[in-house]
Protein backbone atom coordinates (compact mmCIF):
# COMPACT_ATOMS: atom_id res chain seq x y z
CA MET A 1 106.83 61.74 -46.75
CA LYS A 2 103.53 63.48 -45.90
CA TYR A 3 104.15 63.47 -42.13
CA ALA A 4 107.37 64.49 -40.36
CA ILE A 5 107.86 61.11 -38.71
CA ARG A 6 111.40 60.38 -37.55
CA ARG A 7 113.49 58.54 -40.11
CA GLU A 8 114.71 56.12 -37.38
CA PHE A 9 111.38 54.30 -37.63
CA GLY A 10 112.32 53.09 -41.11
CA ILE A 11 109.78 50.91 -42.88
CA LEU A 12 107.21 51.42 -40.14
CA ARG A 13 106.62 54.88 -41.59
CA HIS A 14 105.07 53.17 -44.61
CA PHE A 15 103.14 50.32 -42.94
CA TYR A 16 99.35 50.34 -42.80
CA ALA A 17 97.28 47.94 -40.72
CA PRO A 18 94.52 46.36 -42.82
CA MET A 19 91.21 45.92 -41.01
CA ASN A 20 89.40 43.24 -43.03
CA ARG A 21 88.71 39.56 -42.59
CA PRO A 22 91.29 38.16 -45.04
CA ALA A 23 94.04 40.25 -43.46
CA TYR A 24 92.75 39.35 -40.02
CA ARG A 25 92.94 35.61 -40.76
CA ALA A 26 96.43 35.91 -42.25
CA ALA A 27 97.66 37.91 -39.26
CA GLN A 28 96.24 35.38 -36.82
CA VAL A 29 98.18 32.60 -38.54
CA VAL A 30 101.41 34.60 -38.44
CA LEU A 31 100.94 35.66 -34.81
CA ALA A 32 100.09 32.10 -33.80
CA LEU A 33 103.50 31.01 -35.10
CA CYS A 34 105.38 33.73 -33.22
CA PRO A 35 107.09 32.74 -29.96
CA LYS A 36 104.90 33.53 -26.97
CA HIS A 37 107.19 32.68 -24.08
CA LEU A 38 109.08 35.58 -22.54
CA ARG A 39 112.48 34.88 -21.06
CA MET A 40 112.96 36.98 -17.94
CA LYS A 41 115.96 36.02 -15.88
CA GLY A 42 115.02 35.57 -12.24
CA PHE A 43 111.25 35.54 -12.91
CA ARG A 44 109.08 32.45 -12.51
CA VAL A 45 106.37 31.99 -15.15
CA VAL A 46 102.88 30.70 -14.35
CA LYS A 47 100.69 29.97 -17.35
CA LYS A 48 96.99 29.59 -16.69
CA LYS A 49 93.88 28.73 -18.64
CA ILE A 50 91.00 30.42 -16.80
CA TYR A 51 88.42 29.02 -19.20
CA LYS A 52 88.23 28.14 -22.89
CA GLY A 53 89.72 30.98 -24.89
CA LEU A 54 91.07 32.98 -21.94
CA ARG A 55 94.69 32.47 -20.96
CA THR A 56 97.09 34.45 -18.81
CA GLU A 57 100.83 34.41 -18.18
CA LEU A 58 102.03 35.63 -14.79
CA PHE A 59 105.69 36.56 -14.35
CA LEU A 60 106.75 36.40 -10.70
CA PRO A 61 109.85 38.26 -9.47
CA PRO A 62 112.10 36.79 -6.76
CA GLU A 63 111.10 39.43 -4.19
CA PRO A 64 107.78 38.89 -2.33
CA ASP A 65 104.96 41.44 -1.94
CA ALA A 66 105.62 42.94 -5.36
CA PRO A 67 103.17 45.20 -7.19
CA VAL A 68 101.59 43.75 -10.35
CA ILE A 69 101.35 45.14 -13.88
CA PHE A 70 98.09 43.82 -15.33
CA TYR A 71 98.72 44.23 -19.06
CA LEU A 72 96.11 44.37 -21.82
CA HIS A 73 97.58 44.35 -25.31
CA GLY A 74 96.42 46.41 -28.26
CA GLY A 75 95.50 45.26 -31.74
CA GLY A 76 92.18 46.88 -32.56
CA PHE A 77 90.29 44.28 -30.49
CA VAL A 78 90.87 41.80 -33.35
CA PHE A 79 94.59 40.90 -33.35
CA ARG A 80 96.13 38.71 -30.67
CA GLY A 81 99.10 39.81 -28.62
CA ALA A 82 102.22 40.28 -30.74
CA PRO A 83 105.88 39.70 -29.78
CA HIS A 84 106.49 43.42 -29.29
CA HIS A 85 103.68 43.56 -26.70
CA ARG A 86 105.44 40.90 -24.67
CA LYS A 87 108.78 42.65 -25.08
CA LEU A 88 107.27 45.87 -23.74
CA LEU A 89 105.89 44.05 -20.74
CA ARG A 90 109.30 42.50 -20.13
CA THR A 91 110.84 45.99 -20.23
CA TYR A 92 108.35 47.24 -17.62
CA ALA A 93 108.86 44.23 -15.35
CA ARG A 94 112.64 44.36 -15.53
CA GLY A 95 112.69 48.12 -15.05
CA THR A 96 110.57 47.95 -11.91
CA GLY A 97 111.04 44.49 -10.42
CA PHE A 98 107.24 44.11 -10.45
CA ALA A 99 105.24 41.02 -11.24
CA ALA A 100 103.49 41.18 -14.61
CA MET A 101 100.41 39.49 -16.02
CA PHE A 102 99.83 39.21 -19.77
CA VAL A 103 96.17 38.65 -20.65
CA GLU A 104 95.37 36.86 -23.91
CA TYR A 105 91.68 37.76 -24.12
CA ARG A 106 89.34 36.55 -26.84
CA LEU A 107 88.96 38.84 -29.84
CA ALA A 108 86.01 40.74 -31.27
CA PHE A 109 85.75 39.38 -34.82
CA ASN A 110 84.38 35.93 -33.97
CA THR A 111 82.83 36.38 -30.53
CA PRO A 112 79.64 37.96 -29.13
CA TYR A 113 79.63 41.63 -28.18
CA GLY A 114 81.43 42.35 -24.93
CA THR A 115 83.62 39.24 -24.93
CA PRO A 116 87.04 41.00 -24.77
CA LEU A 117 85.96 43.05 -21.75
CA SER A 118 84.29 40.15 -19.93
CA ASP A 119 87.53 38.17 -20.35
CA CYS A 120 89.55 41.05 -18.88
CA VAL A 121 87.21 41.24 -15.88
CA ALA A 122 87.52 37.47 -15.35
CA ALA A 123 91.33 37.66 -15.51
CA TYR A 124 91.35 40.57 -13.03
CA ARG A 125 89.12 38.63 -10.65
CA ASP A 126 91.46 35.66 -10.92
CA LEU A 127 94.47 37.85 -10.11
CA LEU A 128 92.75 39.30 -7.05
CA ALA A 129 91.81 35.82 -5.84
CA SER A 130 95.28 34.34 -6.35
CA ALA A 131 97.53 37.28 -5.44
CA LYS A 132 98.08 36.14 -1.86
CA ASP A 133 98.98 32.61 -2.98
CA TYR A 134 101.68 34.01 -5.25
CA GLY A 135 102.99 36.46 -2.65
CA LEU A 136 101.80 39.55 -4.55
CA ASP A 137 100.51 42.87 -3.20
CA ALA A 138 96.91 43.14 -4.45
CA ARG A 139 96.76 46.74 -3.16
CA ARG A 140 99.28 47.74 -5.84
CA ILE A 141 97.91 46.50 -9.15
CA VAL A 142 98.50 48.76 -12.17
CA LEU A 143 96.16 48.42 -15.14
CA ALA A 144 98.31 48.94 -18.23
CA GLY A 145 97.27 48.85 -21.85
CA ASP A 146 98.23 50.19 -25.25
CA SER A 147 95.79 51.28 -27.97
CA ALA A 148 92.68 49.06 -27.72
CA GLY A 149 94.18 47.62 -24.55
CA GLY A 150 94.06 51.12 -23.07
CA TYR A 151 90.33 51.25 -23.75
CA LEU A 152 89.86 47.84 -22.14
CA ALA A 153 91.80 49.05 -19.08
CA LEU A 154 89.42 52.02 -18.75
CA ALA A 155 86.37 49.81 -19.27
CA LEU A 156 87.75 47.34 -16.71
CA MET A 157 88.11 50.12 -14.14
CA ASP A 158 84.47 51.08 -14.81
CA ALA A 159 83.42 47.43 -14.44
CA CYS A 160 85.25 47.23 -11.10
CA ARG A 161 83.15 50.11 -9.83
CA ARG A 162 79.90 48.59 -11.08
CA GLU A 163 80.67 45.09 -9.80
CA GLY A 164 82.18 46.13 -6.48
CA LEU A 165 85.73 44.91 -7.18
CA PRO A 166 88.77 46.67 -5.67
CA LEU A 167 90.02 49.46 -7.91
CA PRO A 168 93.59 49.37 -9.22
CA ALA A 169 96.29 51.49 -7.60
CA ALA A 170 97.14 53.18 -10.91
CA MET A 171 96.63 53.04 -14.68
CA MET A 172 99.13 53.40 -17.52
CA LEU A 173 97.54 54.06 -20.93
CA ILE A 174 99.76 54.18 -24.01
CA TYR A 175 98.23 55.90 -27.09
CA PRO A 176 94.85 54.63 -25.85
CA VAL A 177 91.63 54.19 -27.82
CA VAL A 178 89.17 56.39 -25.93
CA ASP A 179 86.42 57.93 -28.07
CA PRO A 180 83.87 55.65 -29.78
CA MET A 181 82.27 58.75 -31.34
CA MET A 182 85.56 59.75 -33.06
CA ARG A 183 84.93 63.44 -32.30
CA THR A 184 88.44 64.94 -32.16
CA GLN A 185 90.46 67.06 -34.59
CA SER A 186 93.28 64.52 -34.90
CA MET A 187 90.72 61.90 -35.90
CA HIS A 188 89.60 64.26 -38.67
CA ASP A 189 93.17 65.11 -39.73
CA TYR A 190 94.88 61.69 -39.69
CA VAL A 191 92.94 59.47 -42.10
CA ASP A 192 96.04 57.98 -43.73
CA THR A 193 98.78 57.92 -41.09
CA PRO A 194 100.94 54.75 -40.94
CA ILE A 195 100.25 51.86 -38.54
CA TRP A 196 96.85 53.26 -37.52
CA ASN A 197 94.50 55.95 -38.78
CA ALA A 198 90.89 57.16 -38.69
CA ARG A 199 89.76 54.70 -41.38
CA CYS A 200 91.11 51.75 -39.39
CA ASN A 201 89.55 53.23 -36.26
CA ALA A 202 86.06 53.43 -37.78
CA ARG A 203 86.25 49.82 -38.92
CA MET A 204 87.52 48.76 -35.48
CA TRP A 205 84.53 50.32 -33.67
CA ALA A 206 82.11 48.66 -36.09
CA VAL A 207 83.65 45.26 -35.37
CA TYR A 208 83.88 45.79 -31.62
CA GLY A 209 80.47 47.37 -31.04
CA LYS A 210 78.43 45.18 -33.40
CA GLY A 211 75.71 47.83 -33.39
CA ASN A 212 75.59 48.16 -29.58
CA ALA A 213 76.06 51.27 -27.46
CA VAL A 214 79.61 50.92 -26.13
CA TYR A 215 81.25 52.34 -23.02
CA ASP A 216 82.38 55.93 -23.61
CA PRO A 217 85.08 57.02 -21.13
CA LEU A 218 84.76 60.69 -22.12
CA ALA A 219 81.04 60.66 -21.24
CA SER A 220 81.52 58.73 -17.98
CA ASP A 221 81.95 59.74 -14.36
CA LEU A 222 85.71 59.55 -13.80
CA ARG A 223 85.67 60.62 -10.15
CA GLY A 224 87.66 58.26 -7.97
CA ALA A 225 89.97 57.17 -10.81
CA PRO A 226 93.47 56.20 -9.60
CA PRO A 227 96.67 58.04 -10.59
CA THR A 228 97.00 57.67 -14.36
CA TYR A 229 99.76 58.02 -16.96
CA ILE A 230 98.63 58.78 -20.52
CA GLU A 231 100.97 58.91 -23.47
CA THR A 232 100.14 59.83 -27.07
CA ALA A 233 102.04 60.03 -30.37
CA GLN A 234 102.21 63.18 -32.49
CA TYR A 235 100.98 61.71 -35.79
CA ASP A 236 98.25 59.45 -34.44
CA CYS A 237 94.52 59.80 -34.96
CA LEU A 238 94.09 58.85 -31.27
CA ARG A 239 96.28 61.73 -30.05
CA ASP A 240 93.60 64.29 -29.18
CA GLU A 241 91.25 61.86 -27.45
CA GLY A 242 94.11 60.74 -25.19
CA LYS A 243 94.83 64.36 -24.32
CA LEU A 244 91.12 65.03 -23.74
CA LEU A 245 90.93 62.03 -21.40
CA ALA A 246 93.80 63.48 -19.35
CA GLU A 247 91.89 66.76 -19.06
CA ARG A 248 88.70 64.96 -18.00
CA LEU A 249 90.55 62.93 -15.38
CA ARG A 250 92.12 66.05 -13.88
CA ALA A 251 88.76 67.81 -13.86
CA ALA A 252 87.36 64.80 -11.97
CA GLY A 253 90.05 65.20 -9.30
CA ALA A 254 92.34 62.41 -10.42
CA GLU A 255 96.12 62.71 -10.59
CA CYS A 256 97.10 62.41 -14.25
CA THR A 257 100.48 62.58 -16.01
CA TYR A 258 100.24 63.34 -19.72
CA GLU A 259 103.11 62.92 -22.20
CA GLN A 260 103.23 63.28 -25.98
CA SER A 261 106.12 61.91 -28.05
CA GLU A 262 107.19 64.02 -31.03
CA GLY A 263 107.87 62.83 -34.57
CA THR A 264 106.14 59.54 -33.81
CA MET A 265 103.16 57.54 -35.02
CA HIS A 266 100.89 54.95 -33.41
CA GLY A 267 102.83 51.88 -32.29
CA PHE A 268 106.17 53.70 -32.44
CA ASP A 269 107.51 51.72 -29.47
CA ILE A 270 107.83 48.63 -31.66
CA ARG A 271 111.31 50.04 -32.38
CA SER A 272 112.54 49.90 -28.81
CA LYS A 273 116.15 50.87 -29.60
CA VAL A 274 115.30 54.26 -31.13
CA PRO A 275 116.47 56.99 -28.69
CA CYS A 276 113.11 58.77 -28.42
CA VAL A 277 111.44 55.41 -27.66
CA ARG A 278 113.96 54.72 -24.90
CA ARG A 279 113.17 58.11 -23.35
CA MET A 280 109.43 57.36 -23.31
CA LEU A 281 110.01 53.89 -21.84
CA GLU A 282 112.02 55.51 -19.04
CA LYS A 283 109.11 57.86 -18.30
CA ARG A 284 106.67 54.94 -18.15
CA ILE A 285 108.89 53.01 -15.75
CA ALA A 286 109.37 56.10 -13.58
CA PHE A 287 105.59 56.47 -13.33
CA LEU A 288 105.12 52.80 -12.40
CA ASN A 289 107.67 53.09 -9.62
CA LYS A 290 106.24 56.36 -8.28
CA ALA A 291 102.58 55.33 -8.38
CA THR A 292 103.17 52.10 -6.44
CA LYS A 293 105.68 53.16 -3.80
CA GLU A 294 105.14 51.21 -0.60
CA GLU A 295 105.44 54.36 1.49
CA ALA A 296 102.67 55.98 -0.55
CA VAL A 297 100.43 52.99 0.17
CA GLU A 298 101.34 52.97 3.87
CA HIS A 299 101.41 56.68 4.65
CA ARG A 300 98.60 57.86 2.41
CA PRO A 301 96.11 55.01 2.28
CA ARG A 302 93.30 55.01 -0.24
CA LEU A 303 90.17 53.65 1.42
CA GLU A 304 87.26 52.10 -0.44
CA VAL A 305 84.12 52.99 1.50
CA VAL A 306 80.48 52.11 0.82
CA ALA A 307 77.27 53.67 2.13
CA ALA A 308 73.53 53.06 1.81
CA LEU A 309 70.92 55.55 0.67
CA LEU A 310 67.92 54.01 2.49
CA ARG A 311 64.60 55.63 1.55
CA ARG A 312 61.03 55.65 2.84
CA GLY A 313 58.86 57.69 0.58
CA ARG A 314 60.52 61.10 0.33
CA THR A 315 62.62 60.56 3.44
CA PHE A 316 66.05 58.95 3.75
CA LEU A 317 67.97 57.61 6.75
CA ILE A 318 70.94 59.42 8.32
CA CYS A 319 73.05 58.38 11.34
CA LYS A 320 74.94 60.48 13.91
CA ARG A 321 78.51 59.48 14.69
CA PRO A 322 79.27 58.85 18.39
CA ALA A 323 81.41 61.25 20.41
CA ASN A 324 84.32 58.80 20.70
CA LYS A 325 84.96 58.49 16.93
CA ALA A 326 86.72 60.71 14.40
CA ARG A 327 84.45 63.40 12.98
CA ALA A 328 82.36 63.01 16.13
CA LEU A 329 78.67 63.97 16.23
CA LEU A 330 78.50 64.63 12.49
CA TRP A 331 75.71 63.04 10.46
CA GLU A 332 76.42 60.45 7.76
CA PHE A 333 74.96 57.58 5.77
CA VAL A 334 75.27 54.09 7.19
CA GLY A 335 78.24 52.22 5.75
CA GLY A 336 81.91 51.57 6.19
CA LYS A 337 85.17 50.30 4.74
CA VAL A 338 85.38 47.51 2.16
CA GLU A 339 87.55 44.78 3.67
CA ALA A 340 89.98 42.62 1.71
CA GLY A 341 88.17 39.93 -0.28
CA GLU A 342 84.78 41.67 -0.12
CA THR A 343 82.80 43.17 -2.96
CA ARG A 344 81.23 46.54 -2.28
CA PRO A 345 77.65 45.13 -1.99
CA GLU A 346 78.90 42.45 0.43
CA ALA A 347 80.62 45.07 2.57
CA LEU A 348 77.50 47.23 2.64
CA MET A 349 75.24 44.36 3.70
CA ARG A 350 77.70 43.50 6.49
CA GLU A 351 77.87 47.11 7.71
CA CYS A 352 74.07 47.41 7.84
CA ARG A 353 73.81 44.21 9.90
CA GLU A 354 76.54 45.34 12.30
CA GLU A 355 75.51 48.99 12.64
CA LEU A 356 71.70 48.88 12.33
CA ALA A 357 70.72 45.18 12.72
CA ILE A 358 68.91 45.20 9.39
CA GLY A 359 69.04 43.24 6.17
CA ILE A 360 69.12 45.23 2.94
CA SER A 361 68.73 44.76 -0.80
CA VAL A 362 71.50 46.62 -2.64
CA GLY A 363 70.41 48.43 -5.79
CA ASP A 364 72.21 50.64 -8.30
CA VAL A 365 75.05 53.03 -7.58
CA PHE A 366 73.55 56.44 -6.76
CA THR A 367 76.87 58.28 -7.01
CA GLU A 368 80.59 58.08 -6.20
CA VAL A 369 82.84 60.73 -4.63
CA THR A 370 86.48 61.00 -3.61
CA HIS A 371 87.47 63.09 -0.59
CA GLU A 372 90.93 63.92 0.72
CA TYR A 373 91.16 63.69 4.50
CA PRO A 374 94.42 64.59 6.31
CA ASP A 375 95.18 60.90 6.93
CA ALA A 376 93.71 59.18 3.85
CA THR A 377 92.05 59.45 0.49
CA VAL A 378 88.51 58.09 0.75
CA HIS A 379 86.60 56.87 -2.28
CA LEU A 380 82.93 56.58 -1.33
CA THR A 381 80.29 54.70 -3.33
CA LEU A 382 76.68 55.35 -2.35
CA PHE A 383 74.16 52.64 -3.32
CA SER A 384 70.40 53.02 -3.48
CA CYS A 385 69.10 50.39 -1.03
CA THR A 386 65.91 49.10 0.56
CA ILE A 387 65.38 47.44 3.95
CA SER A 388 64.52 43.77 3.47
CA GLU A 389 64.53 42.69 7.13
CA GLY A 390 64.23 44.37 10.56
CA GLU A 391 64.04 47.96 11.79
CA PRO A 392 67.12 50.21 12.20
CA GLN A 393 68.61 50.16 15.71
CA MET A 394 71.27 52.36 17.31
CA LEU A 395 74.07 49.83 17.74
CA GLU A 396 77.03 52.06 16.78
CA HIS A 397 75.48 55.52 16.35
CA CYS A 398 74.10 57.98 18.90
CA ASP A 399 71.05 58.99 16.86
CA LEU A 400 69.08 58.01 13.74
CA LYS A 401 66.70 60.17 11.72
CA TRP A 402 64.56 59.91 8.61
CA ILE A 403 64.69 63.32 6.89
CA THR A 404 63.41 64.92 3.69
CA PRO A 405 65.69 66.71 1.19
CA GLU A 406 64.33 70.03 2.48
CA GLU A 407 65.65 69.28 5.98
CA ILE A 408 69.27 68.73 4.87
CA PRO A 409 70.43 72.29 5.85
CA HIS A 410 69.44 71.65 9.48
CA PHE A 411 72.07 68.93 9.97
CA GLU A 412 75.89 69.01 9.98
CA PHE A 413 77.28 66.21 7.80
CA CYS A 414 80.69 64.66 7.21
CA PRO A 415 82.63 66.56 4.49
CA ALA A 416 82.67 63.58 2.11
CA ASP A 417 78.84 63.61 2.04
CA GLU A 418 78.34 67.23 0.99
CA GLU A 419 78.40 66.58 -2.75
CA ILE A 420 76.02 63.64 -2.33
CA LEU A 421 73.58 65.78 -0.37
CA ARG A 422 73.53 68.39 -3.12
CA LEU A 423 72.53 65.66 -5.59
CA ILE A 424 69.76 64.43 -3.27
CA ALA A 425 68.49 67.99 -2.78
CA ARG A 426 68.37 68.61 -6.55
CA GLU A 427 66.57 65.32 -7.09
CA GLY A 428 64.01 66.32 -4.47
């Protein structure tokens, strides 16, 4: 055996996933015949067809107000969810008592570019909209995914930021696909490892991307990412990019737990009874429980806040907080908290009406920052905006000013705005 993979994995040490159309068609037939229904004692199952080709299964525990594991299966973007994916989800749900949603998204081989991700976004939107009806806690959704599903979880988090959807409370990424450029040493070293290797990976990206520029997590702004668990396998071409993602998340200020299993290959958790697999499953469940503790949500809230960068020529609008509010008499951008059920643009338009009596057009995201206050973690998204109706009035602030970037040092701002102001000053 070329690689020191544990003997307990048996025949899996010699299995290679073919990435071609004949093998794809054969696998789809086999997987279509596999049982899809999970039996979870005490859980109620809700199957839903969101639209043609997109189906979800929601497993509801007996206890109300449960967190939710939003699970995106792996399979190189081209294979449908397999029985072992559902068994893993059952293990997570039973080990935590959480609700769990299994997303059967459409696959990349026979669909237009971007279809798997757009399906995941639609399923996430549906979960947010229906969580209250099912008695679930939408504040405590964990995005979980293995392999290609890990990439989709990362891309979904990025889409939430762009589209103004509430971010998840945490992410759990198991041997995730991360790097579309395939730049790491393990990708160079492991061209023939079992289950998955660099050759399969190159073919996967060609099928998924279809010649388009794809989302690259390692080249993206990861500030504001939720607490994340990343796990890699020793003899896996994806190992180093998973480790690099953990480093990038920590550098961006996110809380990240990184684990690597030894003597293992990609997909090693198919053999759930192997002792080293059991140990890793226990670590995953421990993370899920820790990241979604009710007391953490209650005592250390994470607030989604939006603000508007309103410009006139080279000047931009700042507002002075009144003396009777926290951080009194400091300057800030107009904005406020995103309320339940609102998108970020909707919240920003509401805040501008209430605070300044103006209508605005919301443009692109200028930047995002996360700041730790003594009583909360605040994730702030600043949008470039223009006034579409009215003139700013002092309804909730004690002063308003239009200033140039050169005048920034003459004003005392809220701490969360300092990084934003440096960007504005550099931009000029």
